[in-house]
Amino acid sequence: MVFNTGAALLDAIVLAVVSREKEGTYGYKITQDVRKAIEVSESTLYPVLRRLQKDDCLEVYDRQYDGRNRRYYKITPRGEAQLNLYRSEWKSYSEKISEIFEGGAIL
């Protein structure tokens, strides 16, 4: 992707991916799902997950899987509120950019 992916956009994408799974989802699956939208490395993604956890947007728990622990991430009510804000901001932002790209008036 030729466009820079800022921290807020990455946070929004991660929250959207995690919110799809009611019981939460694990890091590798989050990475794979995020990569459907943007190219991101695991070394970039895990600090995002930790920051969202620290900001109380995600809760973390471990679950046994094939004889070992797998770390799961689940969106919190605060994370849902933040995701709703990101969705609203993204809609407004993307509409304005599309308008410019398509030759319309600058609002």
N, C-alpha and C. Protein backbone atom coordinates (compact mmCIF):
# COMPACT_ATOMS: atom_id res chain seq x y z
N MET A 1 0.85 -1.18 0.00
CA MET A 1 0.00 0.00 0.00
C MET A 1 0.89 1.23 0.00
N VAL A 2 0.56 2.19 -0.83
CA VAL A 2 1.38 3.39 -0.94
C VAL A 2 1.05 4.43 0.12
N PHE A 3 -0.08 4.29 0.81
CA PHE A 3 -0.47 5.25 1.83
C PHE A 3 0.06 4.82 3.18
N ASN A 4 0.51 5.79 3.96
CA ASN A 4 1.00 5.51 5.31
C ASN A 4 -0.16 5.11 6.22
N THR A 5 0.06 4.09 7.00
CA THR A 5 -0.96 3.62 7.94
C THR A 5 -0.62 4.18 9.31
N GLY A 6 -1.39 5.15 9.77
CA GLY A 6 -1.15 5.75 11.07
C GLY A 6 -1.63 4.86 12.20
N ALA A 7 -1.24 5.21 13.40
CA ALA A 7 -1.59 4.42 14.59
C ALA A 7 -3.10 4.35 14.79
N ALA A 8 -3.80 5.45 14.57
CA ALA A 8 -5.25 5.46 14.78
C ALA A 8 -5.95 4.52 13.80
N LEU A 9 -5.52 4.51 12.56
CA LEU A 9 -6.13 3.63 11.57
C LEU A 9 -5.85 2.17 11.92
N LEU A 10 -4.65 1.88 12.35
CA LEU A 10 -4.31 0.51 12.74
C LEU A 10 -5.11 0.08 13.96
N ASP A 11 -5.25 0.97 14.93
CA ASP A 11 -6.08 0.69 16.11
C ASP A 11 -7.52 0.38 15.69
N ALA A 12 -8.05 1.19 14.78
CA ALA A 12 -9.43 1.01 14.32
C ALA A 12 -9.61 -0.33 13.63
N ILE A 13 -8.67 -0.70 12.78
CA ILE A 13 -8.77 -1.97 12.06
C ILE A 13 -8.68 -3.13 13.03
N VAL A 14 -7.76 -3.08 13.99
CA VAL A 14 -7.62 -4.15 14.97
C VAL A 14 -8.89 -4.28 15.80
N LEU A 15 -9.42 -3.17 16.28
CA LEU A 15 -10.66 -3.23 17.06
C LEU A 15 -11.81 -3.81 16.24
N ALA A 16 -11.90 -3.43 14.97
CA ALA A 16 -12.96 -3.97 14.10
C ALA A 16 -12.81 -5.48 13.93
N VAL A 17 -11.60 -5.94 13.73
CA VAL A 17 -11.34 -7.38 13.57
C VAL A 17 -11.70 -8.14 14.84
N VAL A 18 -11.25 -7.64 15.98
CA VAL A 18 -11.51 -8.33 17.25
C VAL A 18 -13.00 -8.30 17.58
N SER A 19 -13.69 -7.23 17.23
CA SER A 19 -15.11 -7.10 17.57
C SER A 19 -15.98 -8.12 16.85
N ARG A 20 -15.49 -8.69 15.77
CA ARG A 20 -16.27 -9.68 15.01
C ARG A 20 -16.45 -11.00 15.76
N GLU A 21 -15.57 -11.26 16.69
CA GLU A 21 -15.59 -12.53 17.43
C GLU A 21 -16.09 -12.27 18.85
N LYS A 22 -17.29 -12.72 19.14
CA LYS A 22 -17.92 -12.45 20.44
C LYS A 22 -17.07 -12.93 21.62
N GLU A 23 -16.45 -14.11 21.49
CA GLU A 23 -15.63 -14.67 22.57
C GLU A 23 -14.17 -14.26 22.48
N GLY A 24 -13.85 -13.42 21.53
CA GLY A 24 -12.47 -12.99 21.36
C GLY A 24 -11.75 -13.82 20.31
N THR A 25 -10.56 -13.41 19.98
CA THR A 25 -9.75 -14.10 18.98
C THR A 25 -8.28 -13.97 19.36
N TYR A 26 -7.44 -14.76 18.74
CA TYR A 26 -6.03 -14.82 19.12
C TYR A 26 -5.16 -14.05 18.12
N GLY A 27 -3.94 -13.76 18.56
CA GLY A 27 -3.05 -12.88 17.83
C GLY A 27 -2.78 -13.25 16.39
N TYR A 28 -2.48 -14.53 16.12
CA TYR A 28 -2.16 -14.93 14.75
C TYR A 28 -3.36 -14.69 13.83
N LYS A 29 -4.56 -15.04 14.28
CA LYS A 29 -5.76 -14.84 13.47
C LYS A 29 -6.01 -13.34 13.25
N ILE A 30 -5.78 -12.54 14.28
CA ILE A 30 -5.93 -11.09 14.14
C ILE A 30 -4.97 -10.60 13.04
N THR A 31 -3.72 -11.05 13.09
CA THR A 31 -2.74 -10.65 12.09
C THR A 31 -3.22 -11.01 10.69
N GLN A 32 -3.71 -12.24 10.51
CA GLN A 32 -4.18 -12.69 9.20
C GLN A 32 -5.37 -11.85 8.72
N ASP A 33 -6.29 -11.55 9.62
CA ASP A 33 -7.46 -10.76 9.24
C ASP A 33 -7.09 -9.32 8.91
N VAL A 34 -6.19 -8.73 9.69
CA VAL A 34 -5.75 -7.35 9.42
C VAL A 34 -5.04 -7.29 8.07
N ARG A 35 -4.27 -8.32 7.76
CA ARG A 35 -3.53 -8.36 6.48
C ARG A 35 -4.45 -8.41 5.27
N LYS A 36 -5.71 -8.72 5.46
CA LYS A 36 -6.66 -8.68 4.35
C LYS A 36 -6.91 -7.23 3.91
N ALA A 37 -6.68 -6.29 4.83
CA ALA A 37 -6.91 -4.88 4.53
C ALA A 37 -5.60 -4.13 4.28
N ILE A 38 -4.60 -4.38 5.12
CA ILE A 38 -3.31 -3.68 5.01
C ILE A 38 -2.19 -4.66 5.32
N GLU A 39 -1.01 -4.35 4.81
CA GLU A 39 0.15 -5.19 5.10
C GLU A 39 0.73 -4.76 6.44
N VAL A 40 0.83 -5.70 7.35
CA VAL A 40 1.35 -5.41 8.68
C VAL A 40 2.10 -6.63 9.20
N SER A 41 3.20 -6.39 9.88
CA SER A 41 3.97 -7.50 10.45
C SER A 41 3.50 -7.79 11.86
N GLU A 42 3.80 -8.99 12.32
CA GLU A 42 3.45 -9.33 13.70
C GLU A 42 4.18 -8.42 14.67
N SER A 43 5.40 -8.03 14.33
CA SER A 43 6.16 -7.16 15.24
C SER A 43 5.53 -5.77 15.35
N THR A 44 4.73 -5.39 14.38
CA THR A 44 3.98 -4.14 14.45
C THR A 44 2.67 -4.34 15.20
N LEU A 45 2.05 -5.48 14.98
CA LEU A 45 0.71 -5.72 15.52
C LEU A 45 0.70 -5.95 17.03
N TYR A 46 1.64 -6.70 17.56
CA TYR A 46 1.58 -7.02 18.98
C TYR A 46 1.72 -5.80 19.89
N PRO A 47 2.55 -4.81 19.56
CA PRO A 47 2.53 -3.58 20.37
C PRO A 47 1.18 -2.86 20.31
N VAL A 48 0.49 -2.94 19.18
CA VAL A 48 -0.85 -2.34 19.06
C VAL A 48 -1.81 -3.05 20.01
N LEU A 49 -1.76 -4.37 20.03
CA LEU A 49 -2.62 -5.14 20.93
C LEU A 49 -2.33 -4.79 22.39
N ARG A 50 -1.05 -4.67 22.74
CA ARG A 50 -0.70 -4.31 24.13
C ARG A 50 -1.18 -2.91 24.47
N ARG A 51 -1.04 -1.97 23.53
CA ARG A 51 -1.50 -0.60 23.79
C ARG A 51 -3.01 -0.56 23.97
N LEU A 52 -3.74 -1.27 23.11
CA LEU A 52 -5.20 -1.31 23.24
C LEU A 52 -5.63 -1.97 24.54
N GLN A 53 -4.87 -2.95 24.99
CA GLN A 53 -5.15 -3.57 26.29
C GLN A 53 -4.89 -2.56 27.41
N LYS A 54 -3.76 -1.87 27.33
CA LYS A 54 -3.42 -0.87 28.36
C LYS A 54 -4.46 0.24 28.42
N ASP A 55 -5.03 0.60 27.26
CA ASP A 55 -6.05 1.65 27.18
C ASP A 55 -7.44 1.14 27.53
N ASP A 56 -7.53 -0.11 27.97
CA ASP A 56 -8.80 -0.75 28.37
C ASP A 56 -9.78 -0.90 27.20
N CYS A 57 -9.23 -1.03 26.00
CA CYS A 57 -10.08 -1.28 24.83
C CYS A 57 -10.18 -2.78 24.54
N LEU A 58 -9.20 -3.53 25.02
CA LEU A 58 -9.19 -4.98 24.86
C LEU A 58 -8.93 -5.64 26.20
N GLU A 59 -9.58 -6.78 26.43
CA GLU A 59 -9.21 -7.61 27.58
C GLU A 59 -8.51 -8.85 27.03
N VAL A 60 -7.64 -9.40 27.85
CA VAL A 60 -6.81 -10.53 27.42
C VAL A 60 -7.04 -11.69 28.36
N TYR A 61 -7.11 -12.89 27.79
CA TYR A 61 -7.17 -14.10 28.59
C TYR A 61 -6.50 -15.23 27.83
N ASP A 62 -6.06 -16.24 28.56
CA ASP A 62 -5.40 -17.39 27.96
C ASP A 62 -6.35 -18.58 27.97
N ARG A 63 -6.24 -19.41 26.94
CA ARG A 63 -7.05 -20.62 26.83
C ARG A 63 -6.15 -21.74 26.29
N GLN A 64 -6.37 -22.93 26.81
CA GLN A 64 -5.62 -24.08 26.33
C GLN A 64 -5.99 -24.41 24.89
N TYR A 65 -4.95 -24.69 24.07
CA TYR A 65 -5.17 -25.12 22.70
C TYR A 65 -4.03 -26.05 22.32
N ASP A 66 -4.34 -27.27 21.99
CA ASP A 66 -3.34 -28.28 21.63
C ASP A 66 -2.23 -28.39 22.68
N GLY A 67 -2.62 -28.41 23.94
CA GLY A 67 -1.66 -28.61 25.03
C GLY A 67 -0.85 -27.40 25.42
N ARG A 68 -1.18 -26.25 24.90
CA ARG A 68 -0.46 -25.03 25.31
C ARG A 68 -1.44 -23.87 25.40
N ASN A 69 -0.99 -22.82 26.03
CA ASN A 69 -1.84 -21.64 26.18
C ASN A 69 -1.82 -20.80 24.91
N ARG A 70 -2.99 -20.31 24.56
CA ARG A 70 -3.12 -19.37 23.46
C ARG A 70 -3.74 -18.10 24.04
N ARG A 71 -3.16 -16.97 23.73
CA ARG A 71 -3.65 -15.69 24.25
C ARG A 71 -4.76 -15.16 23.35
N TYR A 72 -5.89 -14.84 23.99
CA TYR A 72 -7.05 -14.31 23.27
C TYR A 72 -7.28 -12.85 23.64
N TYR A 73 -7.83 -12.11 22.70
CA TYR A 73 -8.15 -10.70 22.88
C TYR A 73 -9.63 -10.52 22.61
N LYS A 74 -10.28 -9.78 23.50
CA LYS A 74 -11.71 -9.54 23.40
C LYS A 74 -11.96 -8.04 23.58
N ILE A 75 -12.85 -7.48 22.78
CA ILE A 75 -13.14 -6.05 22.88
C ILE A 75 -13.94 -5.76 24.14
N THR A 76 -13.64 -4.65 24.77
CA THR A 76 -14.34 -4.22 25.98
C THR A 76 -15.39 -3.17 25.60
N PRO A 77 -16.26 -2.81 26.55
CA PRO A 77 -17.21 -1.72 26.26
C PRO A 77 -16.50 -0.42 25.85
N ARG A 78 -15.39 -0.13 26.48
CA ARG A 78 -14.63 1.06 26.10
C ARG A 78 -14.08 0.91 24.68
N GLY A 79 -13.65 -0.29 24.33
CA GLY A 79 -13.17 -0.56 22.98
C GLY A 79 -14.28 -0.41 21.95
N GLU A 80 -15.49 -0.87 22.31
CA GLU A 80 -16.65 -0.71 21.42
C GLU A 80 -16.95 0.77 21.18
N ALA A 81 -16.88 1.55 22.24
CA ALA A 81 -17.13 3.00 22.11
C ALA A 81 -16.07 3.64 21.22
N GLN A 82 -14.83 3.25 21.41
CA GLN A 82 -13.74 3.79 20.59
C GLN A 82 -13.91 3.37 19.13
N LEU A 83 -14.30 2.12 18.91
CA LEU A 83 -14.53 1.63 17.55
C LEU A 83 -15.66 2.42 16.88
N ASN A 84 -16.72 2.70 17.61
CA ASN A 84 -17.83 3.49 17.05
C ASN A 84 -17.36 4.88 16.66
N LEU A 85 -16.50 5.48 17.47
CA LEU A 85 -15.93 6.79 17.14
C LEU A 85 -15.09 6.69 15.87
N TYR A 86 -14.22 5.66 15.80
CA TYR A 86 -13.41 5.46 14.59
C TYR A 86 -14.28 5.28 13.36
N ARG A 87 -15.34 4.50 13.48
CA ARG A 87 -16.24 4.28 12.33
C ARG A 87 -16.84 5.59 11.84
N SER A 88 -17.30 6.40 12.77
CA SER A 88 -17.91 7.68 12.43
C SER A 88 -16.88 8.60 11.75
N GLU A 89 -15.70 8.69 12.35
CA GLU A 89 -14.65 9.54 11.79
C GLU A 89 -14.22 9.03 10.41
N TRP A 90 -14.10 7.71 10.26
CA TRP A 90 -13.68 7.13 8.99
C TRP A 90 -14.69 7.44 7.90
N LYS A 91 -15.97 7.33 8.23
CA LYS A 91 -17.01 7.60 7.23
C LYS A 91 -16.89 9.03 6.71
N SER A 92 -16.76 9.97 7.62
CA SER A 92 -16.64 11.38 7.24
C SER A 92 -15.36 11.62 6.43
N TYR A 93 -14.26 11.09 6.91
CA TYR A 93 -12.97 11.26 6.27
C TYR A 93 -12.96 10.66 4.86
N SER A 94 -13.41 9.42 4.74
CA SER A 94 -13.37 8.74 3.45
C SER A 94 -14.31 9.39 2.44
N GLU A 95 -15.44 9.91 2.90
CA GLU A 95 -16.35 10.61 1.99
C GLU A 95 -15.69 11.87 1.43
N LYS A 96 -14.99 12.61 2.27
CA LYS A 96 -14.32 13.83 1.83
C LYS A 96 -13.19 13.52 0.85
N ILE A 97 -12.40 12.49 1.14
CA ILE A 97 -11.31 12.11 0.25
C ILE A 97 -11.87 11.62 -1.09
N SER A 98 -12.91 10.80 -1.06
CA SER A 98 -13.53 10.31 -2.29
C SER A 98 -14.05 11.47 -3.12
N GLU A 99 -14.64 12.44 -2.48
CA GLU A 99 -15.15 13.61 -3.17
C GLU A 99 -14.02 14.34 -3.91
N ILE A 100 -12.89 14.48 -3.25
CA ILE A 100 -11.74 15.15 -3.89
C ILE A 100 -11.21 14.30 -5.05
N PHE A 101 -11.04 12.99 -4.82
CA PHE A 101 -10.53 12.11 -5.88
C PHE A 101 -11.45 12.10 -7.09
N GLU A 102 -12.72 12.19 -6.87
CA GLU A 102 -13.69 12.10 -7.96
C GLU A 102 -13.98 13.46 -8.61
N GLY A 103 -13.25 14.48 -8.17
CA GLY A 103 -13.34 15.76 -8.83
C GLY A 103 -14.42 16.69 -8.33
N GLY A 104 -15.01 16.36 -7.21
CA GLY A 104 -16.05 17.21 -6.66
C GLY A 104 -15.47 18.39 -5.90
N ALA A 105 -16.35 19.17 -5.33
CA ALA A 105 -15.95 20.34 -4.58
C ALA A 105 -15.28 19.94 -3.28
N ILE A 106 -14.35 20.76 -2.83
CA ILE A 106 -13.70 20.55 -1.53
C ILE A 106 -14.59 21.18 -0.47
N LEU A 107 -14.95 20.38 0.51
CA LEU A 107 -15.86 20.85 1.55
C LEU A 107 -15.13 21.51 2.68
